[in-house]
Amino acid sequence: MTRRYADHPLVQVDTDAAGVPTRLRMDGTDHGELGICNRWRVDDGWWREPVARACYKVVTRSGLLCTIFLDEIRGTWHLERLFD
């Protein structure tokens, strides 16, 4: 079962020199280093408010599996989904 977050809460992400996420912190908890399971882009909304996202399905050292994304327009990282 998964939990999807419609409000896309902010998370803190460290990245490497190429901008790939390497570490995740949320709600004051450091979840450690990340392993990238998958990545994709979302570019949409040219006819309304544009969306440009770099999306990553990641697993943390603490065992958390989730989807995070970089809002490339605002420069902020967000949580989209947690997997049980």
PDB file of N, CA and C in Angstrom:
ATOM      1  N   MET A   1       0.846  -1.171   0.000  1.00  0.00           N
ATOM      2  CA  MET A   1       0.000   0.000   0.000  1.00  0.00           C
ATOM      3  C   MET A   1       0.895   1.238   0.000  1.00  0.00           C
ATOM      4  N   THR A   2       0.451   2.289  -0.657  1.00  0.00           N
ATOM      5  CA  THR A   2       1.219   3.524  -0.696  1.00  0.00           C
ATOM      6  C   THR A   2       0.379   4.676  -0.181  1.00  0.00           C
ATOM      7  N   ARG A   3       1.073   5.682   0.289  1.00  0.00           N
ATOM      8  CA  ARG A   3       0.403   6.911   0.694  1.00  0.00           C
ATOM      9  C   ARG A   3       0.902   8.021  -0.213  1.00  0.00           C
ATOM     10  N   ARG A   4      -0.028   8.627  -0.923  1.00  0.00           N
ATOM     11  CA  ARG A   4       0.320   9.723  -1.823  1.00  0.00           C
ATOM     12  C   ARG A   4      -0.020  11.045  -1.140  1.00  0.00           C
ATOM     13  N   TYR A   5       0.879  12.005  -1.247  1.00  0.00           N
ATOM     14  CA  TYR A   5       0.707  13.308  -0.610  1.00  0.00           C
ATOM     15  C   TYR A   5       0.319  14.342  -1.661  1.00  0.00           C
ATOM     16  N   ALA A   6      -0.952  14.726  -1.664  1.00  0.00           N
ATOM     17  CA  ALA A   6      -1.429  15.697  -2.643  1.00  0.00           C
ATOM     18  C   ALA A   6      -0.825  17.078  -2.416  1.00  0.00           C
ATOM     19  N   ASP A   7      -0.483  17.387  -1.156  1.00  0.00           N
ATOM     20  CA  ASP A   7       0.082  18.704  -0.854  1.00  0.00           C
ATOM     21  C   ASP A   7       1.596  18.760  -1.063  1.00  0.00           C
ATOM     22  N   HIS A   8       2.218  17.628  -1.352  1.00  0.00           N
ATOM     23  CA  HIS A   8       3.657  17.540  -1.638  1.00  0.00           C
ATOM     24  C   HIS A   8       4.500  18.311  -0.612  1.00  0.00           C
ATOM     25  N   PRO A   9       4.580  17.793   0.624  1.00  0.00           N
ATOM     26  CA  PRO A   9       5.343  18.501   1.660  1.00  0.00           C
ATOM     27  C   PRO A   9       6.816  18.664   1.285  1.00  0.00           C
ATOM     28  N   LEU A  10       7.400  19.744   1.779  1.00  0.00           N
ATOM     29  CA  LEU A  10       8.818  20.016   1.550  1.00  0.00           C
ATOM     30  C   LEU A  10       9.681  19.016   2.300  1.00  0.00           C
ATOM     31  N   VAL A  11      10.795  18.627   1.689  1.00  0.00           N
ATOM     32  CA  VAL A  11      11.809  17.784   2.323  1.00  0.00           C
ATOM     33  C   VAL A  11      13.170  18.410   2.041  1.00  0.00           C
ATOM     34  N   GLN A  12      14.169  18.019   2.830  1.00  0.00           N
ATOM     35  CA  GLN A  12      15.527  18.498   2.616  1.00  0.00           C
ATOM     36  C   GLN A  12      16.322  17.376   1.952  1.00  0.00           C
ATOM     37  N   VAL A  13      16.993  17.722   0.870  1.00  0.00           N
ATOM     38  CA  VAL A  13      17.734  16.736   0.085  1.00  0.00           C
ATOM     39  C   VAL A  13      19.132  17.275  -0.195  1.00  0.00           C
ATOM     40  N   ASP A  14      20.143  16.445   0.055  1.00  0.00           N
ATOM     41  CA  ASP A  14      21.503  16.745  -0.389  1.00  0.00           C
ATOM     42  C   ASP A  14      21.682  16.103  -1.758  1.00  0.00           C
ATOM     43  N   THR A  15      22.458  16.751  -2.618  1.00  0.00           N
ATOM     44  CA  THR A  15      22.694  16.228  -3.963  1.00  0.00           C
ATOM     45  C   THR A  15      24.190  16.168  -4.250  1.00  0.00           C
ATOM     46  N   ASP A  16      24.525  15.372  -5.264  1.00  0.00           N
ATOM     47  CA  ASP A  16      25.913  15.346  -5.724  1.00  0.00           C
ATOM     48  C   ASP A  16      26.122  16.480  -6.730  1.00  0.00           C
ATOM     49  N   ALA A  17      27.292  16.540  -7.328  1.00  0.00           N
ATOM     50  CA  ALA A  17      27.628  17.616  -8.266  1.00  0.00           C
ATOM     51  C   ALA A  17      26.716  17.644  -9.488  1.00  0.00           C
ATOM     52  N   ALA A  18      26.128  16.501  -9.843  1.00  0.00           N
ATOM     53  CA  ALA A  18      25.227  16.425 -11.001  1.00  0.00           C
ATOM     54  C   ALA A  18      23.775  16.729 -10.632  1.00  0.00           C
ATOM     55  N   GLY A  19      23.505  17.006  -9.349  1.00  0.00           N
ATOM     56  CA  GLY A  19      22.146  17.304  -8.923  1.00  0.00           C
ATOM     57  C   GLY A  19      21.323  16.090  -8.544  1.00  0.00           C
ATOM     58  N   VAL A  20      21.946  14.914  -8.500  1.00  0.00           N
ATOM     59  CA  VAL A  20      21.248  13.674  -8.134  1.00  0.00           C
ATOM     60  C   VAL A  20      21.167  13.595  -6.609  1.00  0.00           C
ATOM     61  N   PRO A  21      19.983  13.278  -6.059  1.00  0.00           N
ATOM     62  CA  PRO A  21      19.848  13.227  -4.600  1.00  0.00           C
ATOM     63  C   PRO A  21      20.718  12.138  -3.968  1.00  0.00           C
ATOM     64  N   THR A  22      21.321  12.482  -2.822  1.00  0.00           N
ATOM     65  CA  THR A  22      22.200  11.546  -2.122  1.00  0.00           C
ATOM     66  C   THR A  22      21.784  11.304  -0.675  1.00  0.00           C
ATOM     67  N   ARG A  23      20.974  12.207  -0.094  1.00  0.00           N
ATOM     68  CA  ARG A  23      20.595  12.095   1.315  1.00  0.00           C
ATOM     69  C   ARG A  23      19.251  12.785   1.512  1.00  0.00           C
ATOM     70  N   LEU A  24      18.400  12.222   2.384  1.00  0.00           N
ATOM     71  CA  LEU A  24      17.053  12.747   2.613  1.00  0.00           C
ATOM     72  C   LEU A  24      16.826  13.024   4.093  1.00  0.00           C
ATOM     73  N   ARG A  25      16.264  14.209   4.372  1.00  0.00           N
ATOM     74  CA  ARG A  25      15.820  14.562   5.717  1.00  0.00           C
ATOM     75  C   ARG A  25      14.397  15.087   5.614  1.00  0.00           C
ATOM     76  N   MET A  26      13.527  14.608   6.517  1.00  0.00           N
ATOM     77  CA  MET A  26      12.167  15.143   6.569  1.00  0.00           C
ATOM     78  C   MET A  26      11.632  15.038   7.985  1.00  0.00           C
ATOM     79  N   ASP A  27      10.825  16.004   8.343  1.00  0.00           N
ATOM     80  CA  ASP A  27      10.247  16.074   9.689  1.00  0.00           C
ATOM     81  C   ASP A  27      11.315  15.964  10.768  1.00  0.00           C
ATOM     82  N   GLY A  28      12.487  16.544  10.526  1.00  0.00           N
ATOM     83  CA  GLY A  28      13.554  16.535  11.509  1.00  0.00           C
ATOM     84  C   GLY A  28      14.340  15.240  11.610  1.00  0.00           C
ATOM     85  N   THR A  29      14.018  14.251  10.770  1.00  0.00           N
ATOM     86  CA  THR A  29      14.710  12.958  10.799  1.00  0.00           C
ATOM     87  C   THR A  29      15.623  12.825   9.590  1.00  0.00           C
ATOM     88  N   ASP A  30      16.877  12.472   9.859  1.00  0.00           N
ATOM     89  CA  ASP A  30      17.832  12.207   8.783  1.00  0.00           C
ATOM     90  C   ASP A  30      17.709  10.735   8.411  1.00  0.00           C
ATOM     91  N   HIS A  31      17.259  10.459   7.195  1.00  0.00           N
ATOM     92  CA  HIS A  31      17.053   9.083   6.743  1.00  0.00           C
ATOM     93  C   HIS A  31      18.292   8.498   6.067  1.00  0.00           C
ATOM     94  N   GLY A  32      19.378   9.245   6.050  1.00  0.00           N
ATOM     95  CA  GLY A  32      20.642   8.705   5.566  1.00  0.00           C
ATOM     96  C   GLY A  32      20.790   8.751   4.055  1.00  0.00           C
ATOM     97  N   GLU A  33      21.781   8.020   3.610  1.00  0.00           N
ATOM     98  CA  GLU A  33      22.112   7.988   2.187  1.00  0.00           C
ATOM     99  C   GLU A  33      20.996   7.335   1.382  1.00  0.00           C
ATOM    100  N   LEU A  34      20.897   7.754   0.125  1.00  0.00           N
ATOM    101  CA  LEU A  34      19.845   7.267  -0.764  1.00  0.00           C
ATOM    102  C   LEU A  34      20.398   6.328  -1.819  1.00  0.00           C
ATOM    103  N   GLY A  35      19.586   5.351  -2.187  1.00  0.00           N
ATOM    104  CA  GLY A  35      19.800   4.560  -3.383  1.00  0.00           C
ATOM    105  C   GLY A  35      18.712   4.935  -4.371  1.00  0.00           C
ATOM    106  N   ILE A  36      19.070   5.180  -5.604  1.00  0.00           N
ATOM    107  CA  ILE A  36      18.096   5.554  -6.632  1.00  0.00           C
ATOM    108  C   ILE A  36      17.545   4.285  -7.268  1.00  0.00           C
ATOM    109  N   CYS A  37      16.225   4.102  -7.189  1.00  0.00           N
ATOM    110  CA  CYS A  37      15.565   2.949  -7.815  1.00  0.00           C
ATOM    111  C   CYS A  37      15.148   3.265  -9.248  1.00  0.00           C
ATOM    112  N   ASN A  38      14.724   4.509  -9.459  1.00  0.00           N
ATOM    113  CA  ASN A  38      14.224   4.917 -10.766  1.00  0.00           C
ATOM    114  C   ASN A  38      14.227   6.440 -10.806  1.00  0.00           C
ATOM    115  N   ARG A  39      14.273   6.993 -12.008  1.00  0.00           N
ATOM    116  CA  ARG A  39      14.137   8.442 -12.152  1.00  0.00           C
ATOM    117  C   ARG A  39      13.460   8.761 -13.471  1.00  0.00           C
ATOM    118  N   TRP A  40      12.748   9.881 -13.480  1.00  0.00           N
ATOM    119  CA  TRP A  40      12.032  10.315 -14.677  1.00  0.00           C
ATOM    120  C   TRP A  40      11.752  11.804 -14.567  1.00  0.00           C
ATOM    121  N   ARG A  41      11.320  12.364 -15.666  1.00  0.00           N
ATOM    122  CA  ARG A  41      10.985  13.792 -15.727  1.00  0.00           C
ATOM    123  C   ARG A  41       9.499  13.970 -15.977  1.00  0.00           C
ATOM    124  N   VAL A  42       8.973  15.064 -15.460  1.00  0.00           N
ATOM    125  CA  VAL A  42       7.608  15.485 -15.750  1.00  0.00           C
ATOM    126  C   VAL A  42       7.685  16.933 -16.211  1.00  0.00           C
ATOM    127  N   ASP A  43       7.305  17.169 -17.447  1.00  0.00           N
ATOM    128  CA  ASP A  43       7.208  18.520 -18.008  1.00  0.00           C
ATOM    129  C   ASP A  43       5.810  18.639 -18.575  1.00  0.00           C
ATOM    130  N   ASP A  44       5.030  19.563 -18.022  1.00  0.00           N
ATOM    131  CA  ASP A  44       3.617  19.627 -18.381  1.00  0.00           C
ATOM    132  C   ASP A  44       3.107  21.047 -18.150  1.00  0.00           C
ATOM    133  N   GLY A  45       1.912  21.280 -18.621  1.00  0.00           N
ATOM    134  CA  GLY A  45       1.201  22.500 -18.287  1.00  0.00           C
ATOM    135  C   GLY A  45       1.559  23.724 -19.098  1.00  0.00           C
ATOM    136  N   TRP A  46       2.040  23.548 -20.295  1.00  0.00           N
ATOM    137  CA  TRP A  46       2.379  24.714 -21.101  1.00  0.00           C
ATOM    138  C   TRP A  46       1.157  25.592 -21.349  1.00  0.00           C
ATOM    139  N   TRP A  47      -0.044  25.044 -21.228  1.00  0.00           N
ATOM    140  CA  TRP A  47      -1.272  25.796 -21.476  1.00  0.00           C
ATOM    141  C   TRP A  47      -1.825  26.413 -20.188  1.00  0.00           C
ATOM    142  N   ARG A  48      -1.226  26.093 -19.029  1.00  0.00           N
ATOM    143  CA  ARG A  48      -1.607  26.687 -17.745  1.00  0.00           C
ATOM    144  C   ARG A  48      -0.316  26.880 -16.954  1.00  0.00           C
ATOM    145  N   GLU A  49      -0.364  26.797 -15.651  1.00  0.00           N
ATOM    146  CA  GLU A  49       0.866  26.935 -14.862  1.00  0.00           C
ATOM    147  C   GLU A  49       1.809  25.781 -15.179  1.00  0.00           C
ATOM    148  N   PRO A  50       3.009  26.079 -15.664  1.00  0.00           N
ATOM    149  CA  PRO A  50       3.920  25.003 -16.074  1.00  0.00           C
ATOM    150  C   PRO A  50       4.430  24.174 -14.895  1.00  0.00           C
ATOM    151  N   VAL A  51       4.732  22.906 -15.180  1.00  0.00           N
ATOM    152  CA  VAL A  51       5.301  21.970 -14.217  1.00  0.00           C
ATOM    153  C   VAL A  51       6.584  21.415 -14.832  1.00  0.00           C
ATOM    154  N   ALA A  52       7.672  21.489 -14.079  1.00  0.00           N
ATOM    155  CA  ALA A  52       8.951  20.904 -14.508  1.00  0.00           C
ATOM    156  C   ALA A  52       9.548  20.220 -13.285  1.00  0.00           C
ATOM    157  N   ARG A  53       9.568  18.886 -13.306  1.00  0.00           N
ATOM    158  CA  ARG A  53      10.015  18.122 -12.148  1.00  0.00           C
ATOM    159  C   ARG A  53      11.021  17.052 -12.547  1.00  0.00           C
ATOM    160  N   ALA A  54      12.021  16.889 -11.692  1.00  0.00           N
ATOM    161  CA  ALA A  54      12.926  15.743 -11.766  1.00  0.00           C
ATOM    162  C   ALA A  54      12.492  14.813 -10.637  1.00  0.00           C
ATOM    163  N   CYS A  55      11.953  13.652 -10.996  1.00  0.00           N
ATOM    164  CA  CYS A  55      11.361  12.727 -10.020  1.00  0.00           C
ATOM    165  C   CYS A  55      12.287  11.541  -9.777  1.00  0.00           C
ATOM    166  N   TYR A  56      12.307  11.076  -8.523  1.00  0.00           N
ATOM    167  CA  TYR A  56      13.166   9.959  -8.128  1.00  0.00           C
ATOM    168  C   TYR A  56      12.408   9.037  -7.183  1.00  0.00           C
ATOM    169  N   LYS A  57      12.424   7.755  -7.479  1.00  0.00           N
ATOM    170  CA  LYS A  57      11.987   6.749  -6.510  1.00  0.00           C
ATOM    171  C   LYS A  57      13.259   6.316  -5.799  1.00  0.00           C
ATOM    172  N   VAL A  58      13.287   6.480  -4.477  1.00  0.00           N
ATOM    173  CA  VAL A  58      14.512   6.245  -3.714  1.00  0.00           C
ATOM    174  C   VAL A  58      14.250   5.316  -2.537  1.00  0.00           C
ATOM    175  N   VAL A  59      15.309   4.662  -2.096  1.00  0.00           N
ATOM    176  CA  VAL A  59      15.285   3.897  -0.850  1.00  0.00           C
ATOM    177  C   VAL A  59      16.391   4.477   0.026  1.00  0.00           C
ATOM    178  N   THR A  60      16.057   4.693   1.300  1.00  0.00           N
ATOM    179  CA  THR A  60      17.023   5.281   2.219  1.00  0.00           C
ATOM    180  C   THR A  60      17.729   4.196   3.012  1.00  0.00           C
ATOM    181  N   ARG A  61      18.821   4.577   3.625  1.00  0.00           N
ATOM    182  CA  ARG A  61      19.559   3.648   4.485  1.00  0.00           C
ATOM    183  C   ARG A  61      18.669   3.161   5.632  1.00  0.00           C
ATOM    184  N   SER A  62      17.717   3.990   6.065  1.00  0.00           N
ATOM    185  CA  SER A  62      16.809   3.607   7.150  1.00  0.00           C
ATOM    186  C   SER A  62      15.688   2.677   6.671  1.00  0.00           C
ATOM    187  N   GLY A  63      15.644   2.384   5.359  1.00  0.00           N
ATOM    188  CA  GLY A  63      14.655   1.458   4.816  1.00  0.00           C
ATOM    189  C   GLY A  63      13.397   2.105   4.270  1.00  0.00           C
ATOM    190  N   LEU A  64      13.358   3.407   4.219  1.00  0.00           N
ATOM    191  CA  LEU A  64      12.206   4.127   3.699  1.00  0.00           C
ATOM    192  C   LEU A  64      12.231   4.089   2.170  1.00  0.00           C
ATOM    193  N   LEU A  65      11.112   3.723   1.553  1.00  0.00           N
ATOM    194  CA  LEU A  65      10.965   3.733   0.096  1.00  0.00           C
ATOM    195  C   LEU A  65       9.966   4.821  -0.249  1.00  0.00           C
ATOM    196  N   CYS A  66      10.369   5.766  -1.085  1.00  0.00           N
ATOM    197  CA  CYS A  66       9.486   6.890  -1.380  1.00  0.00           C
ATOM    198  C   CYS A  66       9.804   7.495  -2.744  1.00  0.00           C
ATOM    199  N   THR A  67       8.900   8.362  -3.181  1.00  0.00           N
ATOM    200  CA  THR A  67       9.112   9.157  -4.381  1.00  0.00           C
ATOM    201  C   THR A  67       9.265  10.607  -3.956  1.00  0.00           C
ATOM    202  N   ILE A  68      10.359  11.215  -4.390  1.00  0.00           N
ATOM    203  CA  ILE A  68      10.603  12.631  -4.144  1.00  0.00           C
ATOM    204  C   ILE A  68      10.796  13.312  -5.488  1.00  0.00           C
ATOM    205  N   PHE A  69      10.621  14.639  -5.501  1.00  0.00           N
ATOM    206  CA  PHE A  69      10.880  15.348  -6.749  1.00  0.00           C
ATOM    207  C   PHE A  69      11.420  16.739  -6.478  1.00  0.00           C
ATOM    208  N   LEU A  70      12.206  17.205  -7.432  1.00  0.00           N
ATOM    209  CA  LEU A  70      12.705  18.573  -7.434  1.00  0.00           C
ATOM    210  C   LEU A  70      11.781  19.396  -8.315  1.00  0.00           C
ATOM    211  N   ASP A  71      11.137  20.402  -7.730  1.00  0.00           N
ATOM    212  CA  ASP A  71      10.368  21.367  -8.507  1.00  0.00           C
ATOM    213  C   ASP A  71      11.392  22.308  -9.128  1.00  0.00           C
ATOM    214  N   GLU A  72      11.664  22.126 -10.401  1.00  0.00           N
ATOM    215  CA  GLU A  72      12.730  22.874 -11.065  1.00  0.00           C
ATOM    216  C   GLU A  72      12.378  24.339 -11.297  1.00  0.00           C
ATOM    217  N   ILE A  73      11.121  24.686 -11.195  1.00  0.00           N
ATOM    218  CA  ILE A  73      10.715  26.081 -11.343  1.00  0.00           C
ATOM    219  C   ILE A  73      10.986  26.845 -10.048  1.00  0.00           C
ATOM    220  N   ARG A  74      10.672  26.221  -8.915  1.00  0.00           N
ATOM    221  CA  ARG A  74      10.848  26.869  -7.610  1.00  0.00           C
ATOM    222  C   ARG A  74      12.166  26.506  -6.922  1.00  0.00           C
ATOM    223  N   GLY A  75      12.802  25.416  -7.373  1.00  0.00           N
ATOM    224  CA  GLY A  75      14.059  24.987  -6.762  1.00  0.00           C
ATOM    225  C   GLY A  75      13.883  24.315  -5.413  1.00  0.00           C
ATOM    226  N   THR A  76      12.726  23.689  -5.185  1.00  0.00           N
ATOM    227  CA  THR A  76      12.432  23.043  -3.904  1.00  0.00           C
ATOM    228  C   THR A  76      12.197  21.550  -4.091  1.00  0.00           C
ATOM    229  N   TRP A  77      12.562  20.768  -3.047  1.00  0.00           N
ATOM    230  CA  TRP A  77      12.350  19.323  -3.047  1.00  0.00           C
ATOM    231  C   TRP A  77      11.080  18.984  -2.281  1.00  0.00           C
ATOM    232  N   HIS A  78      10.345  17.965  -2.777  1.00  0.00           N
ATOM    233  CA  HIS A  78       9.062  17.595  -2.183  1.00  0.00           C
ATOM    234  C   HIS A  78       8.918  16.076  -2.100  1.00  0.00           C
ATOM    235  N   LEU A  79       8.097  15.644  -1.143  1.00  0.00           N
ATOM    236  CA  LEU A  79       7.712  14.241  -1.017  1.00  0.00           C
ATOM    237  C   LEU A  79       6.416  14.037  -1.782  1.00  0.00           C
ATOM    238  N   GLU A  80       6.386  13.032  -2.644  1.00  0.00           N
ATOM    239  CA  GLU A  80       5.158  12.725  -3.375  1.00  0.00           C
ATOM    240  C   GLU A  80       4.470  11.480  -2.833  1.00  0.00           C
ATOM    241  N   ARG A  81       5.254  10.455  -2.476  1.00  0.00           N
ATOM    242  CA  ARG A  81       4.641   9.180  -2.108  1.00  0.00           C
ATOM    243  C   ARG A  81       5.552   8.392  -1.173  1.00  0.00           C
ATOM    244  N   LEU A  82       4.930   7.705  -0.206  1.00  0.00           N
ATOM    245  CA  LEU A  82       5.620   6.745   0.662  1.00  0.00           C
ATOM    246  C   LEU A  82       5.076   5.367   0.364  1.00  0.00           C
ATOM    247  N   PHE A  83       5.955   4.389   0.259  1.00  0.00           N
ATOM    248  CA  PHE A  83       5.563   3.008   0.000  1.00  0.00           C
ATOM    249  C   PHE A  83       5.693   2.205   1.287  1.00  0.00           C
ATOM    250  N   ASP A  84       4.691   1.394   1.578  1.00  0.00           N
ATOM    251  CA  ASP A  84       4.730   0.520   2.765  1.00  0.00           C
ATOM    252  C   ASP A  84       5.411  -0.782   2.449  1.00  0.00           C
TER     253      ASP A  84
END
